[in-house]
C-alpha atoms as a PDB file:
ATOM      1  CA  MET A   1     -46.026  16.857-166.873  1.00  0.00           C
ATOM      2  CA  ASN A   2     -43.605  15.719-164.194  1.00  0.00           C
ATOM      3  CA  PRO A   3     -40.433  17.808-163.846  1.00  0.00           C
ATOM      4  CA  PRO A   4     -37.280  16.320-165.383  1.00  0.00           C
ATOM      5  CA  PHE A   5     -34.436  14.923-163.304  1.00  0.00           C
ATOM      6  CA  GLU A   6     -32.224  17.816-162.253  1.00  0.00           C
ATOM      7  CA  GLU A   7     -28.442  17.715-162.427  1.00  0.00           C
ATOM      8  CA  VAL A   8     -26.526  18.825-159.375  1.00  0.00           C
ATOM      9  CA  ASN A   9     -22.821  19.133-158.618  1.00  0.00           C
ATOM     10  CA  HIS A  10     -22.392  16.910-155.600  1.00  0.00           C
ATOM     11  CA  ASN A  11     -22.397  13.124-155.284  1.00  0.00           C
ATOM     12  CA  PRO A  12     -22.855  11.997-151.670  1.00  0.00           C
ATOM     13  CA  ILE A  13     -23.001   8.273-152.617  1.00  0.00           C
ATOM     14  CA  GLN A  14     -20.599   7.636-155.472  1.00  0.00           C
ATOM     15  CA  GLU A  15     -22.025   4.347-156.703  1.00  0.00           C
ATOM     16  CA  VAL A  16     -25.746   5.273-156.947  1.00  0.00           C
ATOM     17  CA  SER A  17     -27.023   8.793-157.614  1.00  0.00           C
ATOM     18  CA  ASP A  18     -30.795   8.239-157.638  1.00  0.00           C
ATOM     19  CA  CYS A  19     -33.254   7.333-154.937  1.00  0.00           C
ATOM     20  CA  VAL A  20     -37.000   6.825-155.319  1.00  0.00           C
ATOM     21  CA  VAL A  21     -39.317   6.651-152.308  1.00  0.00           C
ATOM     22  CA  LEU A  22     -42.278   4.356-152.812  1.00  0.00           C
ATOM     23  CA  ALA A  23     -45.193   6.323-151.314  1.00  0.00           C
ATOM     24  CA  GLY A  24     -48.230   5.223-153.279  1.00  0.00           C
ATOM     25  CA  GLY A  25     -49.626   2.604-150.945  1.00  0.00           C
ATOM     26  CA  ALA A  26     -53.257   2.994-149.962  1.00  0.00           C
ATOM     27  CA  GLY A  27     -52.651   1.601-146.465  1.00  0.00           C
ATOM     28  CA  ARG A  28     -56.095   0.001-146.218  1.00  0.00           C
ATOM     29  CA  ARG A  29     -55.202  -1.990-143.116  1.00  0.00           C
ATOM     30  CA  MET A  30     -53.656   1.119-141.554  1.00  0.00           C
ATOM     31  CA  GLY A  31     -56.712   3.303-142.039  1.00  0.00           C
ATOM     32  CA  GLY A  32     -55.101   5.607-144.598  1.00  0.00           C
ATOM     33  CA  PRO A  33     -52.077   6.062-146.851  1.00  0.00           C
ATOM     34  CA  LYS A  34     -48.936   4.946-145.021  1.00  0.00           C
ATOM     35  CA  ALA A  35     -46.944   7.944-146.201  1.00  0.00           C
ATOM     36  CA  PHE A  36     -49.048  10.253-144.045  1.00  0.00           C
ATOM     37  CA  LEU A  37     -49.100   8.267-140.846  1.00  0.00           C
ATOM     38  CA  GLU A  38     -47.088   9.558-137.905  1.00  0.00           C
ATOM     39  CA  TYR A  39     -44.125   7.662-136.529  1.00  0.00           C
ATOM     40  CA  GLU A  40     -42.340   9.132-133.498  1.00  0.00           C
ATOM     41  CA  GLY A  41     -43.659  12.582-134.188  1.00  0.00           C
ATOM     42  CA  GLN A  42     -43.027  12.698-137.959  1.00  0.00           C
ATOM     43  CA  LEU A  43     -44.986  11.654-141.002  1.00  0.00           C
ATOM     44  CA  LEU A  44     -43.445   8.539-142.443  1.00  0.00           C
ATOM     45  CA  ILE A  45     -42.748  10.341-145.723  1.00  0.00           C
ATOM     46  CA  GLU A  46     -41.027  13.189-143.864  1.00  0.00           C
ATOM     47  CA  ARG A  47     -38.897  10.727-141.937  1.00  0.00           C
ATOM     48  CA  ILE A  48     -37.683   8.808-144.967  1.00  0.00           C
ATOM     49  CA  HIS A  49     -37.163  12.002-146.990  1.00  0.00           C
ATOM     50  CA  SER A  50     -34.930  13.457-144.285  1.00  0.00           C
ATOM     51  CA  LYS A  51     -32.816  10.289-144.277  1.00  0.00           C
ATOM     52  CA  VAL A  52     -32.316   9.796-148.008  1.00  0.00           C
ATOM     53  CA  SER A  53     -32.217  13.320-149.432  1.00  0.00           C
ATOM     54  CA  PRO A  54     -28.705  14.084-148.062  1.00  0.00           C
ATOM     55  CA  LEU A  55     -27.365  10.815-149.474  1.00  0.00           C
ATOM     56  CA  PHE A  56     -28.326  11.110-153.138  1.00  0.00           C
ATOM     57  CA  ASP A  57     -27.952  13.577-155.956  1.00  0.00           C
ATOM     58  CA  ARG A  58     -31.606  13.073-156.890  1.00  0.00           C
ATOM     59  CA  THR A  59     -34.377  12.090-154.476  1.00  0.00           C
ATOM     60  CA  CYS A  60     -37.693  11.320-156.168  1.00  0.00           C
ATOM     61  CA  VAL A  61     -41.035   9.949-155.102  1.00  0.00           C
ATOM     62  CA  SER A  62     -43.354   7.382-156.667  1.00  0.00           C
ATOM     63  CA  VAL A  63     -47.087   7.934-156.151  1.00  0.00           C
ATOM     64  CA  LYS A  64     -50.334   7.019-157.831  1.00  0.00           C
ATOM     65  CA  THR A  65     -51.068  10.687-158.580  1.00  0.00           C
ATOM     66  CA  SER A  66     -49.078  13.818-157.871  1.00  0.00           C
ATOM     67  CA  SER A  67     -52.078  15.323-156.030  1.00  0.00           C
ATOM     68  CA  ALA A  68     -51.314  12.916-153.188  1.00  0.00           C
ATOM     69  CA  LEU A  69     -48.408  15.181-152.265  1.00  0.00           C
ATOM     70  CA  ASP A  70     -50.456  18.370-151.912  1.00  0.00           C
ATOM     71  CA  GLN A  71     -50.432  18.192-148.123  1.00  0.00           C
ATOM     72  CA  ILE A  72     -46.607  18.136-147.924  1.00  0.00           C
ATOM     73  CA  PRO A  73     -45.502  20.953-150.227  1.00  0.00           C
ATOM     74  CA  HIS A  74     -42.475  21.619-148.028  1.00  0.00           C
ATOM     75  CA  LEU A  75     -40.805  18.395-149.155  1.00  0.00           C
ATOM     76  CA  LYS A  76     -38.748  18.929-152.286  1.00  0.00           C
ATOM     77  CA  TRP A  77     -38.406  16.175-154.917  1.00  0.00           C
ATOM     78  CA  HIS A  78     -36.275  16.140-158.041  1.00  0.00           C
ATOM     79  CA  ALA A  79     -39.079  14.334-159.816  1.00  0.00           C
ATOM     80  CA  ILE A  80     -42.523  12.900-159.130  1.00  0.00           C
ATOM     81  CA  ILE A  81     -43.023   9.518-160.800  1.00  0.00           C
ATOM     82  CA  GLU A  82     -46.672   8.722-161.207  1.00  0.00           C
ATOM     83  CA  ASP A  83     -47.921   5.127-161.644  1.00  0.00           C
ATOM     84  CA  PRO A  84     -49.186   4.377-165.147  1.00  0.00           C
ATOM     85  CA  PRO A  85     -52.998   4.464-165.319  1.00  0.00           C
ATOM     86  CA  GLU A  86     -53.168   0.693-165.756  1.00  0.00           C
ATOM     87  CA  CYS A  87     -50.813  -0.023-162.835  1.00  0.00           C
ATOM     88  CA  SER A  88     -52.347  -2.549-160.451  1.00  0.00           C
ATOM     89  CA  SER A  89     -49.373  -4.084-158.604  1.00  0.00           C
ATOM     90  CA  LEU A  90     -46.110  -3.272-156.882  1.00  0.00           C
ATOM     91  CA  HIS A  91     -44.358  -5.211-159.611  1.00  0.00           C
ATOM     92  CA  GLU A  92     -45.670  -2.779-162.218  1.00  0.00           C
ATOM     93  CA  ALA A  93     -44.824   0.237-160.081  1.00  0.00           C
ATOM     94  CA  LEU A  94     -41.189  -0.920-159.765  1.00  0.00           C
ATOM     95  CA  GLU A  95     -40.961  -1.522-163.522  1.00  0.00           C
ATOM     96  CA  ASN A  96     -42.207   1.986-164.124  1.00  0.00           C
ATOM     97  CA  ILE A  97     -39.610   3.462-161.767  1.00  0.00           C
ATOM     98  CA  ILE A  98     -36.680   1.590-163.296  1.00  0.00           C
ATOM     99  CA  GLU A  99     -37.805   2.449-166.833  1.00  0.00           C
ATOM    100  CA  THR A 100     -38.225   6.124-165.862  1.00  0.00           C
ATOM    101  CA  VAL A 101     -34.897   6.582-164.078  1.00  0.00           C
ATOM    102  CA  GLN A 102     -32.826   4.566-166.588  1.00  0.00           C
ATOM    103  CA  ALA A 103     -29.958   4.327-164.113  1.00  0.00           C
ATOM    104  CA  PRO A 104     -29.183   2.301-161.011  1.00  0.00           C
ATOM    105  CA  VAL A 105     -31.651   3.478-158.361  1.00  0.00           C
ATOM    106  CA  PHE A 106     -32.094   2.871-154.661  1.00  0.00           C
ATOM    107  CA  ILE A 107     -35.792   2.141-154.217  1.00  0.00           C
ATOM    108  CA  VAL A 108     -37.106   2.369-150.663  1.00  0.00           C
ATOM    109  CA  ALA A 109     -40.589   1.900-149.208  1.00  0.00           C
ATOM    110  CA  VAL A 110     -41.941   4.774-147.168  1.00  0.00           C
ATOM    111  CA  ASP A 111     -42.845   2.408-144.323  1.00  0.00           C
ATOM    112  CA  LEU A 112     -39.283   1.402-143.347  1.00  0.00           C
ATOM    113  CA  PRO A 113     -38.672   4.112-140.729  1.00  0.00           C
ATOM    114  CA  GLU A 114     -35.822   2.316-138.954  1.00  0.00           C
ATOM    115  CA  LEU A 115     -33.435   2.186-141.900  1.00  0.00           C
ATOM    116  CA  THR A 116     -30.314   4.185-141.146  1.00  0.00           C
ATOM    117  CA  ALA A 117     -28.006   6.200-143.384  1.00  0.00           C
ATOM    118  CA  SER A 118     -25.142   3.777-142.732  1.00  0.00           C
ATOM    119  CA  MET A 119     -27.313   0.849-143.849  1.00  0.00           C
ATOM    120  CA  ILE A 120     -28.319   2.663-147.036  1.00  0.00           C
ATOM    121  CA  ARG A 121     -24.700   3.535-147.739  1.00  0.00           C
ATOM    122  CA  LYS A 122     -23.664  -0.091-147.251  1.00  0.00           C
ATOM    123  CA  ILE A 123     -26.294  -1.307-149.717  1.00  0.00           C
ATOM    124  CA  CYS A 124     -25.375   1.303-152.344  1.00  0.00           C
ATOM    125  CA  SER A 125     -21.611   0.919-151.947  1.00  0.00           C
ATOM    126  CA  SER A 126     -21.992  -2.769-152.820  1.00  0.00           C
ATOM    127  CA  TYR A 127     -23.381  -1.935-156.261  1.00  0.00           C
ATOM    128  CA  THR A 128     -21.487  -2.826-159.429  1.00  0.00           C
ATOM    129  CA  PRO A 129     -22.867  -2.082-162.897  1.00  0.00           C
ATOM    130  CA  GLY A 130     -25.177  -4.735-164.255  1.00  0.00           C
ATOM    131  CA  THR A 131     -26.076  -6.298-160.921  1.00  0.00           C
ATOM    132  CA  SER A 132     -28.730  -5.115-158.451  1.00  0.00           C
ATOM    133  CA  VAL A 133     -28.171  -5.272-154.686  1.00  0.00           C
ATOM    134  CA  ILE A 134     -30.612  -6.737-152.227  1.00  0.00           C
ATOM    135  CA  VAL A 135     -30.557  -7.537-148.518  1.00  0.00           C
ATOM    136  CA  GLU A 136     -31.757 -10.876-147.136  1.00  0.00           C
ATOM    137  CA  ALA A 137     -33.217 -10.531-143.641  1.00  0.00           C
ATOM    138  CA  ASP A 138     -34.949 -13.306-141.738  1.00  0.00           C
ATOM    139  CA  ASP A 139     -34.324 -15.596-144.713  1.00  0.00           C
ATOM    140  CA  ARG A 140     -36.363 -13.356-146.987  1.00  0.00           C
ATOM    141  CA  PRO A 141     -35.203 -10.967-149.753  1.00  0.00           C
ATOM    142  CA  GLN A 142     -36.018  -7.295-149.118  1.00  0.00           C
ATOM    143  CA  PRO A 143     -36.723  -5.748-152.517  1.00  0.00           C
ATOM    144  CA  LEU A 144     -38.133  -2.516-151.082  1.00  0.00           C
ATOM    145  CA  ALA A 145     -34.814  -1.293-149.728  1.00  0.00           C
ATOM    146  CA  ALA A 146     -32.576  -2.257-152.597  1.00  0.00           C
ATOM    147  CA  VAL A 147     -30.527  -0.992-155.522  1.00  0.00           C
ATOM    148  CA  TRP A 148     -32.228  -1.946-158.779  1.00  0.00           C
ATOM    149  CA  ASP A 149     -30.128  -1.966-161.933  1.00  0.00           C
ATOM    150  CA  THR A 150     -31.742  -1.441-165.313  1.00  0.00           C
ATOM    151  CA  THR A 151     -30.782  -4.998-166.290  1.00  0.00           C
ATOM    152  CA  ALA A 152     -33.454  -6.235-163.882  1.00  0.00           C
ATOM    153  CA  LEU A 153     -36.016  -5.226-166.507  1.00  0.00           C
ATOM    154  CA  ASP A 154     -34.810  -8.101-168.691  1.00  0.00           C
ATOM    155  CA  PHE A 155     -36.150 -10.503-166.077  1.00  0.00           C
ATOM    156  CA  SER A 156     -39.402  -8.758-165.131  1.00  0.00           C
ATOM    157  CA  THR A 157     -41.734 -10.797-167.383  1.00  0.00           C
ATOM    158  CA  PRO A 158     -41.096 -14.507-167.241  1.00  0.00           C
ATOM    159  CA  GLN A 159     -42.197 -17.180-169.687  1.00  0.00           C
ATOM    160  CA  ASP A 160     -44.118 -18.968-166.945  1.00  0.00           C
ATOM    161  CA  GLY A 161     -46.140 -15.826-166.192  1.00  0.00           C
ATOM    162  CA  ASP A 162     -45.109 -15.632-162.524  1.00  0.00           C
ATOM    163  CA  LEU A 163     -45.292 -11.884-161.859  1.00  0.00           C
ATOM    164  CA  ALA A 164     -44.813 -12.104-158.091  1.00  0.00           C
ATOM    165  CA  LEU A 165     -42.259  -9.575-156.918  1.00  0.00           C
ATOM    166  CA  LEU A 166     -40.107 -12.148-155.107  1.00  0.00           C
ATOM    167  CA  ALA A 167     -40.146 -14.363-158.176  1.00  0.00           C
ATOM    168  CA  TRP A 168     -38.721 -11.426-160.130  1.00  0.00           C
ATOM    169  CA  VAL A 169     -36.017 -11.017-157.498  1.00  0.00           C
ATOM    170  CA  ARG A 170     -35.058 -14.669-157.820  1.00  0.00           C
ATOM    171  CA  ARG A 171     -34.800 -14.412-161.626  1.00  0.00           C
ATOM    172  CA  ALA A 172     -32.779 -11.176-161.852  1.00  0.00           C
ATOM    173  CA  PRO A 173     -29.059 -10.935-161.124  1.00  0.00           C
ATOM    174  CA  PHE A 174     -28.697  -9.619-157.568  1.00  0.00           C
ATOM    175  CA  GLN A 175     -25.772  -9.319-155.255  1.00  0.00           C
ATOM    176  CA  THR A 176     -27.070 -10.377-151.827  1.00  0.00           C
ATOM    177  CA  LEU A 177     -26.148  -8.874-148.474  1.00  0.00           C
ATOM    178  CA  THR A 178     -27.227 -10.555-145.274  1.00  0.00           C
ATOM    179  CA  TRP A 179     -28.706  -8.711-142.306  1.00  0.00           C
ATOM    180  CA  PRO A 180     -27.279  -8.322-139.691  1.00  0.00           C
ATOM    181  CA  GLN A 181     -24.014 -10.070-140.604  1.00  0.00           C
ATOM    182  CA  ASP A 182     -23.027  -7.593-143.330  1.00  0.00           C
ATOM    183  CA  PHE A 183     -24.032  -4.539-141.314  1.00  0.00           C
ATOM    184  CA  PRO A 184     -21.585  -3.737-138.519  1.00  0.00           C
ATOM    185  CA  GLU A 185     -23.917  -1.129-136.936  1.00  0.00           C
ATOM    186  CA  ALA A 186     -26.953  -3.447-136.941  1.00  0.00           C
ATOM    187  CA  VAL A 187     -29.777  -2.624-134.556  1.00  0.00           C
ATOM    188  CA  GLU A 188     -31.555  -5.184-132.380  1.00  0.00           C
ATOM    189  CA  SER A 189     -34.807  -5.352-134.337  1.00  0.00           C
ATOM    190  CA  SER A 190     -34.968  -5.712-138.102  1.00  0.00           C
ATOM    191  CA  PRO A 191     -35.042  -2.344-139.903  1.00  0.00           C
ATOM    192  CA  PHE A 192     -36.534  -4.146-142.892  1.00  0.00           C
ATOM    193  CA  ARG A 193     -39.846  -4.898-141.168  1.00  0.00           C
ATOM    194  CA  ASN A 194     -42.623  -3.073-142.969  1.00  0.00           C
ATOM    195  CA  LEU A 195     -45.443  -1.364-141.048  1.00  0.00           C
ATOM    196  CA  ASN A 196     -48.511  -3.303-142.088  1.00  0.00           C
ATOM    197  CA  GLU A 197     -50.861  -3.191-139.105  1.00  0.00           C
ATOM    198  CA  PRO A 198     -51.832  -0.313-136.733  1.00  0.00           C
ATOM    199  CA  GLY A 199     -50.105  -2.158-133.898  1.00  0.00           C
ATOM    200  CA  ASP A 200     -46.779  -1.933-135.739  1.00  0.00           C
ATOM    201  CA  ILE A 201     -46.566   1.811-135.004  1.00  0.00           C
ATOM    202  CA  PRO A 202     -45.440   2.798-131.472  1.00  0.00           C
ATOM    203  CA  ARG A 203     -48.286   4.182-129.400  1.00  0.00           C
ATOM    204  CA  LYS A 204     -46.403   7.427-128.829  1.00  0.00           C
ATOM    205  CA  GLY A 205     -46.167   7.980-132.552  1.00  0.00           C
ATOM    206  CA  ILE A 206     -49.848   7.993-133.428  1.00  0.00           C
ATOM    207  CA  ASP A 207     -53.114   8.013-131.547  1.00  0.00           C
ATOM    208  CA  LEU A 208     -54.929   4.999-132.949  1.00  0.00           C
END
């Protein structure tokens, strides 16, 4: 059984207390699970953990099975959220996270290594109860670095059967931020660009 959420006495980000790192991707095009690829001398999961754990009361991880974390026992999580056995899509994984946490939660993909603490704080500080928060970058919503409110579950299964993740985003009530306009410390390249191909990782970070 997964450990319960633990209560702690500090609240680094006042508006959102929970963060879940999405780390269950198989990374077929990358040659292995993305979470365990190196980026600038760190595993991607180590890099994102070090960024988010100081910001939230509870930092959790979402994986297909908890055994996937055996090689990184030094990373501490408040809870491990396993995908349901029938889970076959990112849409279902997000539903499972939101249903499990039952509170506004910052969900972040493990393969967004250039997100900064200030960007995460900006996203979370924009949250108001009942409305999720998402960033639009390059004219595209970025649901894998967003605050998801529990009300989003009311819009997860549409009558027309369109279960695409971006279709869900368009149905649910979201407050939208725009990158880089709403981020005063914006970097030159988009921090919301996922690592999808081996060439997306700097040569110095991994020997491909």
